[in-house]
Amino acid sequence: MCSKDIKTTLKPGEVFHVKPNQWHKFHTLDGAIIEEVSTTHYNDDSFYEDVAIMALSREERKTKVANWKVAVKNKAL
């Protein structure tokens, strides 16, 4: 997780709080499921450095997990 110039490594189950309007990004070396939760949601408040991602619709950028238990079980194998 990177917010401003601060890099943070998160372990499974850890939480990172991002303040409103604070630029942030995240990536993984081994794979991860990241849940981003906000108290206020706007359809037009996401911005991406990668212009190809920015050109996608909101629905095209999202990955839907139909069965959370199956997704977690398969990752553990």
PDB file of N, CA and C in Angstrom:
ATOM      1  N   MET A   1       0.855  -1.170   0.000  1.00  0.00           N
ATOM      2  CA  MET A   1       0.000   0.000   0.000  1.00  0.00           C
ATOM      3  C   MET A   1       0.892   1.221   0.000  1.00  0.00           C
ATOM      4  N   CYS A   2       0.584   2.162  -0.835  1.00  0.00           N
ATOM      5  CA  CYS A   2       1.375   3.385  -0.914  1.00  0.00           C
ATOM      6  C   CYS A   2       0.432   4.571  -0.839  1.00  0.00           C
ATOM      7  N   SER A   3       0.705   5.473   0.074  1.00  0.00           N
ATOM      8  CA  SER A   3      -0.091   6.673   0.240  1.00  0.00           C
ATOM      9  C   SER A   3       0.876   7.841   0.359  1.00  0.00           C
ATOM     10  N   LYS A   4       0.764   8.792  -0.553  1.00  0.00           N
ATOM     11  CA  LYS A   4       1.743   9.873  -0.656  1.00  0.00           C
ATOM     12  C   LYS A   4       3.098   9.237  -0.912  1.00  0.00           C
ATOM     13  N   ASP A   5       4.097   9.520  -0.101  1.00  0.00           N
ATOM     14  CA  ASP A   5       5.427   8.933  -0.280  1.00  0.00           C
ATOM     15  C   ASP A   5       5.720   7.844   0.749  1.00  0.00           C
ATOM     16  N   ILE A   6       4.677   7.358   1.419  1.00  0.00           N
ATOM     17  CA  ILE A   6       4.839   6.356   2.464  1.00  0.00           C
ATOM     18  C   ILE A   6       4.426   4.993   1.927  1.00  0.00           C
ATOM     19  N   LYS A   7       5.331   4.006   2.002  1.00  0.00           N
ATOM     20  CA  LYS A   7       5.021   2.641   1.581  1.00  0.00           C
ATOM     21  C   LYS A   7       4.770   1.793   2.819  1.00  0.00           C
ATOM     22  N   THR A   8       3.725   1.001   2.778  1.00  0.00           N
ATOM     23  CA  THR A   8       3.352   0.148   3.898  1.00  0.00           C
ATOM     24  C   THR A   8       3.118  -1.262   3.391  1.00  0.00           C
ATOM     25  N   THR A   9       3.684  -2.242   4.069  1.00  0.00           N
ATOM     26  CA  THR A   9       3.428  -3.635   3.736  1.00  0.00           C
ATOM     27  C   THR A   9       2.368  -4.160   4.691  1.00  0.00           C
ATOM     28  N   LEU A  10       1.292  -4.694   4.116  1.00  0.00           N
ATOM     29  CA  LEU A  10       0.202  -5.217   4.930  1.00  0.00           C
ATOM     30  C   LEU A  10       0.245  -6.736   4.955  1.00  0.00           C
ATOM     31  N   LYS A  11      -0.095  -7.299   6.082  1.00  0.00           N
ATOM     32  CA  LYS A  11      -0.216  -8.742   6.244  1.00  0.00           C
ATOM     33  C   LYS A  11      -1.698  -9.101   6.167  1.00  0.00           C
ATOM     34  N   PRO A  12      -2.018 -10.364   5.893  1.00  0.00           N
ATOM     35  CA  PRO A  12      -3.427 -10.771   5.808  1.00  0.00           C
ATOM     36  C   PRO A  12      -4.229 -10.312   7.029  1.00  0.00           C
ATOM     37  N   GLY A  13      -5.356  -9.672   6.753  1.00  0.00           N
ATOM     38  CA  GLY A  13      -6.241  -9.210   7.813  1.00  0.00           C
ATOM     39  C   GLY A  13      -5.961  -7.810   8.320  1.00  0.00           C
ATOM     40  N   GLU A  14      -4.825  -7.215   7.942  1.00  0.00           N
ATOM     41  CA  GLU A  14      -4.502  -5.868   8.415  1.00  0.00           C
ATOM     42  C   GLU A  14      -5.305  -4.826   7.655  1.00  0.00           C
ATOM     43  N   VAL A  15      -5.478  -3.676   8.276  1.00  0.00           N
ATOM     44  CA  VAL A  15      -6.272  -2.578   7.731  1.00  0.00           C
ATOM     45  C   VAL A  15      -5.386  -1.357   7.554  1.00  0.00           C
ATOM     46  N   PHE A  16      -5.624  -0.621   6.482  1.00  0.00           N
ATOM     47  CA  PHE A  16      -4.923   0.639   6.237  1.00  0.00           C
ATOM     48  C   PHE A  16      -5.970   1.704   5.991  1.00  0.00           C
ATOM     49  N   HIS A  17      -5.958   2.777   6.766  1.00  0.00           N
ATOM     50  CA  HIS A  17      -6.945   3.842   6.625  1.00  0.00           C
ATOM     51  C   HIS A  17      -6.426   4.927   5.687  1.00  0.00           C
ATOM     52  N   VAL A  18      -7.193   5.221   4.660  1.00  0.00           N
ATOM     53  CA  VAL A  18      -6.863   6.286   3.717  1.00  0.00           C
ATOM     54  C   VAL A  18      -7.823   7.439   3.975  1.00  0.00           C
ATOM     55  N   LYS A  19      -7.286   8.610   4.181  1.00  0.00           N
ATOM     56  CA  LYS A  19      -8.121   9.781   4.451  1.00  0.00           C
ATOM     57  C   LYS A  19      -8.853  10.210   3.179  1.00  0.00           C
ATOM     58  N   PRO A  20      -9.992  10.876   3.321  1.00  0.00           N
ATOM     59  CA  PRO A  20     -10.727  11.362   2.146  1.00  0.00           C
ATOM     60  C   PRO A  20      -9.837  12.216   1.235  1.00  0.00           C
ATOM     61  N   ASN A  21      -9.973  12.000  -0.053  1.00  0.00           N
ATOM     62  CA  ASN A  21      -9.233  12.738  -1.090  1.00  0.00           C
ATOM     63  C   ASN A  21      -7.731  12.477  -1.071  1.00  0.00           C
ATOM     64  N   GLN A  22      -7.279  11.454  -0.361  1.00  0.00           N
ATOM     65  CA  GLN A  22      -5.856  11.133  -0.297  1.00  0.00           C
ATOM     66  C   GLN A  22      -5.514  10.144  -1.419  1.00  0.00           C
ATOM     67  N   TRP A  23      -4.544  10.504  -2.258  1.00  0.00           N
ATOM     68  CA  TRP A  23      -4.117   9.630  -3.344  1.00  0.00           C
ATOM     69  C   TRP A  23      -3.462   8.395  -2.746  1.00  0.00           C
ATOM     70  N   HIS A  24      -3.767   7.222  -3.329  1.00  0.00           N
ATOM     71  CA  HIS A  24      -3.185   5.973  -2.846  1.00  0.00           C
ATOM     72  C   HIS A  24      -3.162   4.943  -3.968  1.00  0.00           C
ATOM     73  N   LYS A  25      -2.333   3.942  -3.808  1.00  0.00           N
ATOM     74  CA  LYS A  25      -2.291   2.836  -4.765  1.00  0.00           C
ATOM     75  C   LYS A  25      -1.850   1.593  -4.013  1.00  0.00           C
ATOM     76  N   PHE A  26      -2.105   0.436  -4.607  1.00  0.00           N
ATOM     77  CA  PHE A  26      -1.656  -0.808  -4.011  1.00  0.00           C
ATOM     78  C   PHE A  26      -1.325  -1.807  -5.091  1.00  0.00           C
ATOM     79  N   HIS A  27      -0.418  -2.723  -4.768  1.00  0.00           N
ATOM     80  CA  HIS A  27      -0.039  -3.799  -5.679  1.00  0.00           C
ATOM     81  C   HIS A  27       0.428  -4.988  -4.851  1.00  0.00           C
ATOM     82  N   THR A  28       0.619  -6.098  -5.513  1.00  0.00           N
ATOM     83  CA  THR A  28       1.052  -7.305  -4.830  1.00  0.00           C
ATOM     84  C   THR A  28       2.117  -8.023  -5.652  1.00  0.00           C
ATOM     85  N   LEU A  29       2.990  -8.697  -4.982  1.00  0.00           N
ATOM     86  CA  LEU A  29       3.992  -9.521  -5.657  1.00  0.00           C
ATOM     87  C   LEU A  29       3.516 -10.964  -5.780  1.00  0.00           C
ATOM     88  N   ASP A  30       2.626 -11.383  -4.863  1.00  0.00           N
ATOM     89  CA  ASP A  30       2.192 -12.782  -4.798  1.00  0.00           C
ATOM     90  C   ASP A  30       0.700 -12.989  -5.028  1.00  0.00           C
ATOM     91  N   GLY A  31      -0.070 -11.936  -5.185  1.00  0.00           N
ATOM     92  CA  GLY A  31      -1.516 -12.048  -5.320  1.00  0.00           C
ATOM     93  C   GLY A  31      -2.203 -11.684  -4.013  1.00  0.00           C
ATOM     94  N   ALA A  32      -3.332 -11.035  -4.124  1.00  0.00           N
ATOM     95  CA  ALA A  32      -4.074 -10.624  -2.930  1.00  0.00           C
ATOM     96  C   ALA A  32      -5.501 -10.271  -3.325  1.00  0.00           C
ATOM     97  N   ILE A  33      -6.379 -10.348  -2.353  1.00  0.00           N
ATOM     98  CA  ILE A  33      -7.729  -9.827  -2.507  1.00  0.00           C
ATOM     99  C   ILE A  33      -7.794  -8.611  -1.601  1.00  0.00           C
ATOM    100  N   ILE A  34      -8.057  -7.456  -2.180  1.00  0.00           N
ATOM    101  CA  ILE A  34      -8.109  -6.215  -1.416  1.00  0.00           C
ATOM    102  C   ILE A  34      -9.538  -5.692  -1.466  1.00  0.00           C
ATOM    103  N   GLU A  35     -10.077  -5.431  -0.311  1.00  0.00           N
ATOM    104  CA  GLU A  35     -11.426  -4.881  -0.206  1.00  0.00           C
ATOM    105  C   GLU A  35     -11.303  -3.414   0.153  1.00  0.00           C
ATOM    106  N   GLU A  36     -11.785  -2.567  -0.718  1.00  0.00           N
ATOM    107  CA  GLU A  36     -11.736  -1.132  -0.467  1.00  0.00           C
ATOM    108  C   GLU A  36     -13.144  -0.688  -0.079  1.00  0.00           C
ATOM    109  N   VAL A  37     -13.287  -0.173   1.122  1.00  0.00           N
ATOM    110  CA  VAL A  37     -14.578   0.218   1.657  1.00  0.00           C
ATOM    111  C   VAL A  37     -14.555   1.710   1.947  1.00  0.00           C
ATOM    112  N   SER A  38     -15.628   2.390   1.599  1.00  0.00           N
ATOM    113  CA  SER A  38     -15.709   3.812   1.899  1.00  0.00           C
ATOM    114  C   SER A  38     -17.065   4.143   2.507  1.00  0.00           C
ATOM    115  N   THR A  39     -17.082   5.199   3.301  1.00  0.00           N
ATOM    116  CA  THR A  39     -18.338   5.616   3.919  1.00  0.00           C
ATOM    117  C   THR A  39     -19.202   6.388   2.935  1.00  0.00           C
ATOM    118  N   THR A  40     -18.572   7.010   1.956  1.00  0.00           N
ATOM    119  CA  THR A  40     -19.290   7.740   0.908  1.00  0.00           C
ATOM    120  C   THR A  40     -18.792   7.233  -0.429  1.00  0.00           C
ATOM    121  N   HIS A  41     -19.712   6.919  -1.330  1.00  0.00           N
ATOM    122  CA  HIS A  41     -19.338   6.354  -2.621  1.00  0.00           C
ATOM    123  C   HIS A  41     -19.786   7.290  -3.747  1.00  0.00           C
ATOM    124  N   TYR A  42     -18.878   7.531  -4.684  1.00  0.00           N
ATOM    125  CA  TYR A  42     -19.186   8.292  -5.895  1.00  0.00           C
ATOM    126  C   TYR A  42     -18.695   7.472  -7.085  1.00  0.00           C
ATOM    127  N   ASN A  43     -19.470   7.402  -8.141  1.00  0.00           N
ATOM    128  CA  ASN A  43     -19.066   6.632  -9.318  1.00  0.00           C
ATOM    129  C   ASN A  43     -17.895   7.251 -10.067  1.00  0.00           C
ATOM    130  N   ASP A  44     -17.624   8.516  -9.844  1.00  0.00           N
ATOM    131  CA  ASP A  44     -16.586   9.200 -10.624  1.00  0.00           C
ATOM    132  C   ASP A  44     -15.389   9.644  -9.778  1.00  0.00           C
ATOM    133  N   ASP A  45     -15.123   8.958  -8.666  1.00  0.00           N
ATOM    134  CA  ASP A  45     -14.036   9.418  -7.803  1.00  0.00           C
ATOM    135  C   ASP A  45     -12.777   8.541  -7.855  1.00  0.00           C
ATOM    136  N   SER A  46     -12.677   7.678  -8.867  1.00  0.00           N
ATOM    137  CA  SER A  46     -11.482   6.847  -9.015  1.00  0.00           C
ATOM    138  C   SER A  46     -10.639   7.364 -10.178  1.00  0.00           C
ATOM    139  N   PHE A  47      -9.332   7.488  -9.935  1.00  0.00           N
ATOM    140  CA  PHE A  47      -8.401   7.977 -10.949  1.00  0.00           C
ATOM    141  C   PHE A  47      -7.214   7.032 -11.003  1.00  0.00           C
ATOM    142  N   TYR A  48      -6.714   6.760 -12.203  1.00  0.00           N
ATOM    143  CA  TYR A  48      -5.649   5.779 -12.391  1.00  0.00           C
ATOM    144  C   TYR A  48      -4.482   6.380 -13.152  1.00  0.00           C
ATOM    145  N   GLU A  49      -3.268   5.997 -12.756  1.00  0.00           N
ATOM    146  CA  GLU A  49      -2.064   6.447 -13.469  1.00  0.00           C
ATOM    147  C   GLU A  49      -2.005   5.854 -14.869  1.00  0.00           C
ATOM    148  N   ASP A  50      -2.447   4.617 -15.014  1.00  0.00           N
ATOM    149  CA  ASP A  50      -2.424   3.908 -16.294  1.00  0.00           C
ATOM    150  C   ASP A  50      -3.609   4.378 -17.148  1.00  0.00           C
ATOM    151  N   VAL A  51      -3.322   5.019 -18.272  1.00  0.00           N
ATOM    152  CA  VAL A  51      -4.394   5.573 -19.112  1.00  0.00           C
ATOM    153  C   VAL A  51      -5.302   4.479 -19.681  1.00  0.00           C
ATOM    154  N   ALA A  52      -4.770   3.279 -19.896  1.00  0.00           N
ATOM    155  CA  ALA A  52      -5.596   2.182 -20.406  1.00  0.00           C
ATOM    156  C   ALA A  52      -6.646   1.773 -19.367  1.00  0.00           C
ATOM    157  N   ILE A  53      -6.266   1.751 -18.098  1.00  0.00           N
ATOM    158  CA  ILE A  53      -7.224   1.438 -17.036  1.00  0.00           C
ATOM    159  C   ILE A  53      -8.214   2.579 -16.879  1.00  0.00           C
ATOM    160  N   MET A  54      -7.737   3.798 -16.931  1.00  0.00           N
ATOM    161  CA  MET A  54      -8.606   4.974 -16.780  1.00  0.00           C
ATOM    162  C   MET A  54      -9.675   5.006 -17.873  1.00  0.00           C
ATOM    163  N   ALA A  55      -9.376   4.472 -19.049  1.00  0.00           N
ATOM    164  CA  ALA A  55     -10.323   4.488 -20.165  1.00  0.00           C
ATOM    165  C   ALA A  55     -11.441   3.460 -20.002  1.00  0.00           C
ATOM    166  N   LEU A  56     -11.264   2.486 -19.111  1.00  0.00           N
ATOM    167  CA  LEU A  56     -12.284   1.456 -18.905  1.00  0.00           C
ATOM    168  C   LEU A  56     -13.451   2.007 -18.089  1.00  0.00           C
ATOM    169  N   SER A  57     -14.611   1.421 -18.280  1.00  0.00           N
ATOM    170  CA  SER A  57     -15.758   1.804 -17.457  1.00  0.00           C
ATOM    171  C   SER A  57     -15.552   1.256 -16.050  1.00  0.00           C
ATOM    172  N   ARG A  58     -16.321   1.759 -15.112  1.00  0.00           N
ATOM    173  CA  ARG A  58     -16.221   1.298 -13.727  1.00  0.00           C
ATOM    174  C   ARG A  58     -16.446  -0.208 -13.646  1.00  0.00           C
ATOM    175  N   GLU A  59     -17.438  -0.717 -14.336  1.00  0.00           N
ATOM    176  CA  GLU A  59     -17.741  -2.150 -14.307  1.00  0.00           C
ATOM    177  C   GLU A  59     -16.610  -2.993 -14.905  1.00  0.00           C
ATOM    178  N   GLU A  60     -15.943  -2.472 -15.936  1.00  0.00           N
ATOM    179  CA  GLU A  60     -14.838  -3.207 -16.556  1.00  0.00           C
ATOM    180  C   GLU A  60     -13.616  -3.287 -15.637  1.00  0.00           C
ATOM    181  N   ARG A  61     -13.464  -2.320 -14.717  1.00  0.00           N
ATOM    182  CA  ARG A  61     -12.314  -2.299 -13.806  1.00  0.00           C
ATOM    183  C   ARG A  61     -12.500  -3.213 -12.604  1.00  0.00           C
ATOM    184  N   LYS A  62     -13.711  -3.613 -12.311  1.00  0.00           N
ATOM    185  CA  LYS A  62     -13.999  -4.377 -11.095  1.00  0.00           C
ATOM    186  C   LYS A  62     -13.939  -5.876 -11.349  1.00  0.00           C
ATOM    187  N   THR A  63     -13.456  -6.604 -10.370  1.00  0.00           N
ATOM    188  CA  THR A  63     -13.460  -8.057 -10.404  1.00  0.00           C
ATOM    189  C   THR A  63     -14.500  -8.529  -9.406  1.00  0.00           C
ATOM    190  N   LYS A  64     -15.447  -9.304  -9.874  1.00  0.00           N
ATOM    191  CA  LYS A  64     -16.506  -9.780  -8.995  1.00  0.00           C
ATOM    192  C   LYS A  64     -16.194 -11.201  -8.544  1.00  0.00           C
ATOM    193  N   VAL A  65     -16.333 -11.431  -7.259  1.00  0.00           N
ATOM    194  CA  VAL A  65     -16.131 -12.750  -6.688  1.00  0.00           C
ATOM    195  C   VAL A  65     -17.514 -13.273  -6.315  1.00  0.00           C
ATOM    196  N   ALA A  66     -17.975 -14.267  -7.073  1.00  0.00           N
ATOM    197  CA  ALA A  66     -19.327 -14.786  -6.859  1.00  0.00           C
ATOM    198  C   ALA A  66     -19.417 -15.604  -5.571  1.00  0.00           C
ATOM    199  N   ASN A  67     -18.360 -16.316  -5.230  1.00  0.00           N
ATOM    200  CA  ASN A  67     -18.386 -17.154  -4.042  1.00  0.00           C
ATOM    201  C   ASN A  67     -17.093 -16.936  -3.275  1.00  0.00           C
ATOM    202  N   TRP A  68     -17.148 -16.100  -2.252  1.00  0.00           N
ATOM    203  CA  TRP A  68     -15.964 -15.705  -1.484  1.00  0.00           C
ATOM    204  C   TRP A  68     -15.255 -16.915  -0.885  1.00  0.00           C
ATOM    205  N   LYS A  69     -15.995 -17.867  -0.320  1.00  0.00           N
ATOM    206  CA  LYS A  69     -15.375 -19.031   0.324  1.00  0.00           C
ATOM    207  C   LYS A  69     -14.579 -19.858  -0.676  1.00  0.00           C
ATOM    208  N   VAL A  70     -15.079 -20.014  -1.880  1.00  0.00           N
ATOM    209  CA  VAL A  70     -14.361 -20.771  -2.906  1.00  0.00           C
ATOM    210  C   VAL A  70     -13.089 -20.023  -3.312  1.00  0.00           C
ATOM    211  N   ALA A  71     -13.172 -18.717  -3.473  1.00  0.00           N
ATOM    212  CA  ALA A  71     -12.003 -17.917  -3.865  1.00  0.00           C
ATOM    213  C   ALA A  71     -10.908 -18.014  -2.814  1.00  0.00           C
ATOM    214  N   VAL A  72     -11.258 -17.930  -1.553  1.00  0.00           N
ATOM    215  CA  VAL A  72     -10.277 -17.997  -0.475  1.00  0.00           C
ATOM    216  C   VAL A  72      -9.697 -19.405  -0.392  1.00  0.00           C
ATOM    217  N   LYS A  73     -10.528 -20.417  -0.512  1.00  0.00           N
ATOM    218  CA  LYS A  73     -10.065 -21.811  -0.454  1.00  0.00           C
ATOM    219  C   LYS A  73      -9.072 -22.093  -1.583  1.00  0.00           C
ATOM    220  N   ASN A  74      -9.366 -21.666  -2.807  1.00  0.00           N
ATOM    221  CA  ASN A  74      -8.476 -21.914  -3.937  1.00  0.00           C
ATOM    222  C   ASN A  74      -7.144 -21.200  -3.779  1.00  0.00           C
ATOM    223  N   LYS A  75      -7.119 -20.022  -3.182  1.00  0.00           N
ATOM    224  CA  LYS A  75      -5.880 -19.284  -2.964  1.00  0.00           C
ATOM    225  C   LYS A  75      -5.006 -20.015  -1.955  1.00  0.00           C
ATOM    226  N   ALA A  76      -5.634 -20.657  -0.963  1.00  0.00           N
ATOM    227  CA  ALA A  76      -4.874 -21.344   0.093  1.00  0.00           C
ATOM    228  C   ALA A  76      -4.212 -22.614  -0.424  1.00  0.00           C
ATOM    229  N   LEU A  77      -4.684 -23.162  -1.548  1.00  0.00           N
ATOM    230  CA  LEU A  77      -4.107 -24.402  -2.063  1.00  0.00           C
ATOM    231  C   LEU A  77      -2.801 -24.123  -2.654  1.00  0.00           C
TER     232      LEU A  77
END
